[in-house]
C-alpha atoms as a PDB file:
ATOM      1  CA  MET A   1     -21.099  -2.148 -21.782  1.00  0.00           C
ATOM      2  CA  GLU A   2     -22.378  -5.324 -22.545  1.00  0.00           C
ATOM      3  CA  GLU A   3     -24.165  -7.689 -20.044  1.00  0.00           C
ATOM      4  CA  PRO A   4     -21.790  -9.609 -17.807  1.00  0.00           C
ATOM      5  CA  SER A   5     -21.968 -12.861 -19.171  1.00  0.00           C
ATOM      6  CA  LYS A   6     -21.376 -12.323 -22.601  1.00  0.00           C
ATOM      7  CA  PHE A   7     -18.534 -10.208 -21.511  1.00  0.00           C
ATOM      8  CA  PHE A   8     -16.726 -13.113 -19.615  1.00  0.00           C
ATOM      9  CA  SER A   9     -17.433 -15.611 -22.119  1.00  0.00           C
ATOM     10  CA  ALA A  10     -15.529 -13.486 -24.657  1.00  0.00           C
ATOM     11  CA  LEU A  11     -12.871 -12.859 -21.768  1.00  0.00           C
ATOM     12  CA  PHE A  12     -12.332 -16.621 -21.485  1.00  0.00           C
ATOM     13  CA  ASP A  13     -12.771 -17.449 -24.995  1.00  0.00           C
ATOM     14  CA  PHE A  14      -9.413 -19.164 -26.246  1.00  0.00           C
ATOM     15  CA  SER A  15     -10.248 -19.376 -29.973  1.00  0.00           C
ATOM     16  CA  PHE A  16     -10.230 -15.454 -29.934  1.00  0.00           C
ATOM     17  CA  THR A  17     -13.451 -15.068 -32.041  1.00  0.00           C
ATOM     18  CA  GLU A  18     -14.434 -12.040 -30.312  1.00  0.00           C
ATOM     19  CA  PHE A  19     -12.477  -8.998 -29.143  1.00  0.00           C
ATOM     20  CA  ILE A  20     -12.644  -7.475 -25.839  1.00  0.00           C
ATOM     21  CA  THR A  21     -10.343  -4.518 -26.209  1.00  0.00           C
ATOM     22  CA  THR A  22     -12.726  -2.843 -27.995  1.00  0.00           C
ATOM     23  CA  LYS A  23     -15.282  -2.964 -25.231  1.00  0.00           C
ATOM     24  CA  LEU A  24     -12.775  -2.086 -22.570  1.00  0.00           C
ATOM     25  CA  ILE A  25     -11.234   0.999 -24.294  1.00  0.00           C
ATOM     26  CA  LYS A  26     -13.196   3.618 -22.379  1.00  0.00           C
ATOM     27  CA  VAL A  27     -12.034   2.154 -19.282  1.00  0.00           C
ATOM     28  CA  LEU A  28      -8.527   2.001 -20.422  1.00  0.00           C
ATOM     29  CA  TYR A  29      -8.840   5.583 -21.252  1.00  0.00           C
ATOM     30  CA  GLY A  30     -10.225   6.629 -17.970  1.00  0.00           C
ATOM     31  CA  ILE A  31      -7.270   4.947 -16.495  1.00  0.00           C
ATOM     32  CA  GLY A  32      -4.842   6.947 -18.628  1.00  0.00           C
ATOM     33  CA  ILE A  33      -6.663  10.382 -17.667  1.00  0.00           C
ATOM     34  CA  VAL A  34      -6.254   9.159 -14.064  1.00  0.00           C
ATOM     35  CA  ILE A  35      -2.629   8.203 -14.379  1.00  0.00           C
ATOM     36  CA  SER A  36      -1.809  11.353 -16.399  1.00  0.00           C
ATOM     37  CA  GLY A  37      -3.510  13.411 -13.477  1.00  0.00           C
ATOM     38  CA  LEU A  38      -1.576  11.840 -10.774  1.00  0.00           C
ATOM     39  CA  SER A  39       1.704  12.650 -12.828  1.00  0.00           C
ATOM     40  CA  ALA A  40       1.027  15.888 -13.142  1.00  0.00           C
ATOM     41  CA  LEU A  41       0.191  16.003  -9.232  1.00  0.00           C
ATOM     42  CA  SER A  42       3.330  14.305  -8.283  1.00  0.00           C
ATOM     43  CA  TRP A  43       5.394  16.912 -10.265  1.00  0.00           C
ATOM     44  CA  ILE A  44       3.645  19.494  -8.203  1.00  0.00           C
ATOM     45  CA  VAL A  45       4.506  17.636  -5.016  1.00  0.00           C
ATOM     46  CA  SER A  46       7.930  17.022  -5.828  1.00  0.00           C
ATOM     47  CA  GLY A  47       8.441  20.244  -7.100  1.00  0.00           C
ATOM     48  CA  PHE A  48       7.612  21.879  -3.792  1.00  0.00           C
ATOM     49  CA  ALA A  49       9.338  19.153  -1.843  1.00  0.00           C
ATOM     50  CA  GLY A  50      12.432  20.325  -3.345  1.00  0.00           C
ATOM     51  CA  SER A  51      12.217  24.181  -3.214  1.00  0.00           C
ATOM     52  CA  PHE A  52       9.531  26.858  -3.563  1.00  0.00           C
ATOM     53  CA  GLY A  53      10.835  28.274  -6.902  1.00  0.00           C
ATOM     54  CA  ARG A  54      10.927  24.844  -8.458  1.00  0.00           C
ATOM     55  CA  GLY A  55       7.339  24.161  -7.076  1.00  0.00           C
ATOM     56  CA  LEU A  56       6.262  27.151  -8.771  1.00  0.00           C
ATOM     57  CA  LEU A  57       7.763  25.853 -12.208  1.00  0.00           C
ATOM     58  CA  PHE A  58       6.190  22.683 -11.911  1.00  0.00           C
ATOM     59  CA  LEU A  59       3.013  24.238 -11.025  1.00  0.00           C
ATOM     60  CA  ILE A  60       3.065  26.076 -14.183  1.00  0.00           C
ATOM     61  CA  LEU A  61       4.631  23.021 -16.367  1.00  0.00           C
ATOM     62  CA  SER A  62       2.221  20.315 -15.005  1.00  0.00           C
ATOM     63  CA  PRO A  63      -0.924  21.061 -16.891  1.00  0.00           C
ATOM     64  CA  ILE A  64       1.348  20.650 -20.239  1.00  0.00           C
ATOM     65  CA  VAL A  65       2.495  17.215 -18.549  1.00  0.00           C
ATOM     66  CA  PHE A  66      -1.131  16.472 -18.171  1.00  0.00           C
ATOM     67  CA  ILE A  67      -2.438  17.498 -21.574  1.00  0.00           C
ATOM     68  CA  ILE A  68       0.514  15.711 -23.265  1.00  0.00           C
ATOM     69  CA  GLY A  69       0.168  12.423 -21.368  1.00  0.00           C
ATOM     70  CA  VAL A  70      -3.833  12.708 -22.189  1.00  0.00           C
ATOM     71  CA  ILE A  71      -3.086  13.323 -25.780  1.00  0.00           C
ATOM     72  CA  LEU A  72      -0.521  10.388 -26.016  1.00  0.00           C
ATOM     73  CA  THR A  73      -2.995   7.956 -24.485  1.00  0.00           C
ATOM     74  CA  ARG A  74      -5.726   8.738 -26.914  1.00  0.00           C
ATOM     75  CA  VAL A  75      -3.631   8.426 -29.642  1.00  0.00           C
ATOM     76  CA  TRP A  76      -2.356   5.241 -28.698  1.00  0.00           C
ATOM     77  CA  LEU A  77      -5.654   3.651 -27.620  1.00  0.00           C
ATOM     78  CA  GLU A  78      -6.875   5.131 -31.200  1.00  0.00           C
ATOM     79  CA  ILE A  79      -4.406   3.342 -32.986  1.00  0.00           C
ATOM     80  CA  ILE A  80      -5.302  -0.061 -31.082  1.00  0.00           C
ATOM     81  CA  ILE A  81      -8.810   0.540 -32.031  1.00  0.00           C
ATOM     82  CA  VAL A  82      -7.970   1.215 -35.708  1.00  0.00           C
ATOM     83  CA  VAL A  83      -5.962  -2.134 -35.839  1.00  0.00           C
ATOM     84  CA  PHE A  84      -8.939  -3.833 -34.271  1.00  0.00           C
ATOM     85  CA  LYS A  85     -11.062  -2.258 -37.052  1.00  0.00           C
ATOM     86  CA  ILE A  86      -8.994  -3.423 -39.803  1.00  0.00           C
ATOM     87  CA  ALA A  87      -8.898  -6.971 -38.545  1.00  0.00           C
ATOM     88  CA  GLU A  88     -12.778  -6.931 -38.286  1.00  0.00           C
ATOM     89  CA  ASN A  89     -13.028  -5.792 -41.929  1.00  0.00           C
ATOM     90  CA  VAL A  90     -10.645  -7.852 -43.215  1.00  0.00           C
ATOM     91  CA  GLY A  91     -12.539 -10.680 -41.604  1.00  0.00           C
ATOM     92  CA  LYS A  92     -15.383  -9.891 -43.210  1.00  0.00           C
ATOM     93  CA  ILE A  93     -13.754  -9.544 -46.378  1.00  0.00           C
ATOM     94  CA  ALA A  94     -12.309 -13.208 -46.115  1.00  0.00           C
ATOM     95  CA  GLU A  95     -15.767 -14.345 -45.071  1.00  0.00           C
ATOM     96  CA  SER A  96     -17.300 -12.802 -48.188  1.00  0.00           C
ATOM     97  CA  LYS A  97     -15.048 -14.525 -50.766  1.00  0.00           C
END
């Protein structure tokens, strides 16, 4: 990541000349993976708390829940990055005219 002074100056820039989302996207992806993992783990725990058979079913299905969560997180973050890149490129086009 950038040096902290640049990050905090961009964070408190009320004119929004710099985007910090593109700098934080890796952290947000990591948080999304952790949340997906915790969701899958909670599925397993709640399944076994209900019954052994349900626990086994959730043990089998929880990796699918994890993968779907990671895929949805990744797609959502990629859409955000695309929007920011479009904004940057439109800004460059507007400056060149």
